[in-house]
Protein backbone atom coordinates (compact mmCIF):
# COMPACT_ATOMS: atom_id res chain seq x y z
CA UNK A 1 0.00 0.00 0.00
CA UNK A 2 1.24 3.43 -0.84
CA UNK A 3 1.08 6.28 1.62
CA UNK A 4 -1.89 7.92 -0.15
CA UNK A 5 -3.85 4.66 -0.33
CA UNK A 6 -3.22 4.10 3.40
CA UNK A 7 -4.56 7.58 4.14
CA UNK A 8 -7.59 6.96 1.93
CA UNK A 9 -8.22 3.63 3.69
CA UNK A 10 -7.91 5.25 7.14
CA UNK A 11 -10.21 8.08 6.10
CA UNK A 12 -12.85 5.69 4.71
CA UNK A 13 -12.61 3.53 7.86
CA UNK A 14 -13.09 6.57 10.09
CA UNK A 15 -15.99 7.81 7.96
CA UNK A 16 -17.67 4.40 8.09
CA UNK A 17 -17.31 4.29 11.87
CA UNK A 18 -18.80 7.78 12.23
CA UNK A 19 -21.71 6.88 9.96
CA UNK A 20 -22.42 3.72 11.94
CA UNK A 21 -22.36 5.62 15.24
CA UNK A 22 -24.51 8.45 13.89
CA UNK A 23 -27.00 5.87 12.54
CA UNK A 24 -27.41 4.38 16.02
CA UNK A 25 -27.75 7.85 17.52
CA UNK A 26 -30.30 8.78 14.84
CA UNK A 27 -32.42 5.71 15.66
CA UNK A 28 -32.31 6.59 19.34
CA UNK A 29 -33.27 10.21 18.59
CA UNK A 30 -36.18 9.24 16.36
CA UNK A 31 -37.67 6.90 18.95
CA UNK A 32 -37.36 8.50 22.38
CA UNK A 33 -37.92 6.09 25.27
CA UNK A 34 -39.41 6.86 28.69
CA UNK A 35 -40.06 4.95 31.87
CA UNK A 36 -43.57 5.28 33.30
CA UNK A 37 -43.39 4.67 37.06
CA UNK A 38 -46.45 4.08 39.25
CA UNK A 39 -46.88 2.74 42.78
CA UNK A 40 -47.69 -0.70 41.32
CA UNK A 41 -45.16 -1.10 38.51
CA UNK A 42 -43.14 0.51 35.77
CA UNK A 43 -42.98 0.11 32.01
CA UNK A 44 -40.83 1.46 29.20
CA UNK A 45 -42.64 3.33 26.44
CA UNK A 46 -41.56 4.90 23.18
CA UNK A 47 -42.85 7.64 20.93
CA UNK A 48 -43.48 7.16 17.23
CA UNK A 49 -43.26 10.24 14.97
CA UNK A 50 -47.09 10.37 15.05
CA UNK A 51 -47.02 10.36 18.87
CA UNK A 52 -44.50 13.22 18.89
CA UNK A 53 -46.75 15.25 16.57
CA UNK A 54 -49.85 14.53 18.67
CA UNK A 55 -48.08 15.42 21.93
CA UNK A 56 -46.37 18.50 20.54
CA UNK A 57 -42.93 17.32 21.62
CA UNK A 58 -40.71 14.39 22.47
CA UNK A 59 -39.77 15.01 26.09
CA UNK A 60 -41.21 14.32 29.54
CA UNK A 61 -42.84 17.75 29.61
CA UNK A 62 -44.90 16.99 26.50
CA UNK A 63 -46.08 13.70 27.98
CA UNK A 64 -46.86 15.36 31.31
CA UNK A 65 -48.85 18.16 29.67
CA UNK A 66 -50.81 15.64 27.59
CA UNK A 67 -51.62 13.57 30.68
CA UNK A 68 -52.69 16.68 32.60
CA UNK A 69 -54.74 18.11 29.72
CA UNK A 70 -56.28 14.98 28.19
CA UNK A 71 -56.13 12.62 31.15
CA UNK A 72 -54.56 9.84 29.05
CA UNK A 73 -52.07 9.18 26.26
CA UNK A 74 -51.54 6.14 24.05
CA UNK A 75 -47.92 5.14 23.46
CA UNK A 76 -45.85 2.11 22.41
CA UNK A 77 -44.80 -0.26 25.21
CA UNK A 78 -41.20 -1.43 24.70
CA UNK A 79 -39.41 -4.56 25.89
CA UNK A 80 -36.09 -6.29 25.33
CA UNK A 81 -36.04 -9.06 22.74
CA UNK A 82 -33.50 -11.03 20.72
CA UNK A 83 -32.90 -9.99 17.13
CA UNK A 84 -32.46 -12.52 14.33
CA UNK A 85 -28.67 -12.36 14.84
CA UNK A 86 -29.04 -13.06 18.58
CA UNK A 87 -28.27 -9.51 19.73
CA UNK A 88 -30.55 -7.90 22.29
CA UNK A 89 -32.66 -4.91 21.22
CA UNK A 90 -35.44 -2.67 22.57
CA UNK A 91 -38.54 -3.24 20.46
CA UNK A 92 -42.17 -2.13 20.48
CA UNK A 93 -44.55 -4.76 21.87
CA UNK A 94 -48.01 -3.16 21.88
CA UNK A 95 -49.88 0.11 22.15
CA UNK A 96 -50.81 0.99 25.73
CA UNK A 97 -52.98 3.71 27.20
CA UNK A 98 -51.45 5.61 30.10
CA UNK A 99 -54.01 7.21 32.41
CA UNK A 100 -53.08 10.38 34.29
CA UNK A 101 -52.60 9.88 38.03
CA UNK A 102 -51.07 11.99 40.79
CA UNK A 103 -48.68 9.18 41.73
CA UNK A 104 -47.48 8.59 38.14
CA UNK A 105 -43.96 9.64 37.18
CA UNK A 106 -42.42 9.94 33.69
CA UNK A 107 -38.63 9.64 33.36
CA UNK A 108 -36.33 9.67 30.32
CA UNK A 109 -35.02 6.16 29.65
CA UNK A 110 -31.67 5.33 28.08
CA UNK A 111 -30.49 1.97 26.87
CA UNK A 112 -27.27 0.68 25.34
CA UNK A 113 -29.37 -1.59 23.12
CA UNK A 114 -30.45 -0.91 19.58
CA UNK A 115 -33.88 0.73 19.52
CA UNK A 116 -36.36 -0.55 16.94
CA UNK A 117 -38.80 2.06 15.66
CA UNK A 118 -42.55 1.23 15.71
CA UNK A 119 -43.94 0.10 12.35
């Protein structure tokens, strides 16, 4: 390998790595996850682009305002599953209705797993 071909290879390797990392970050940004905590249990939920539009945002404040104003919101429940290649991922399971309650808490939820967007 010549010096210029080594540089080109290093540059393409770095670019590929950045694209892969930004793709994972983009998936996480397009499907924000939250933990809904009540006195009985907790679940992880995610927002589809339609949910974000309906709520007027993609943060805990938007969910809180919707719960306060409407009394309920319908979101995607998420759970961990195995992908076809055996890797773990966060994936939508079903639509759930969250009813507003004084003892309900909404928290941002982060995961190191790949997040699958709702279909």
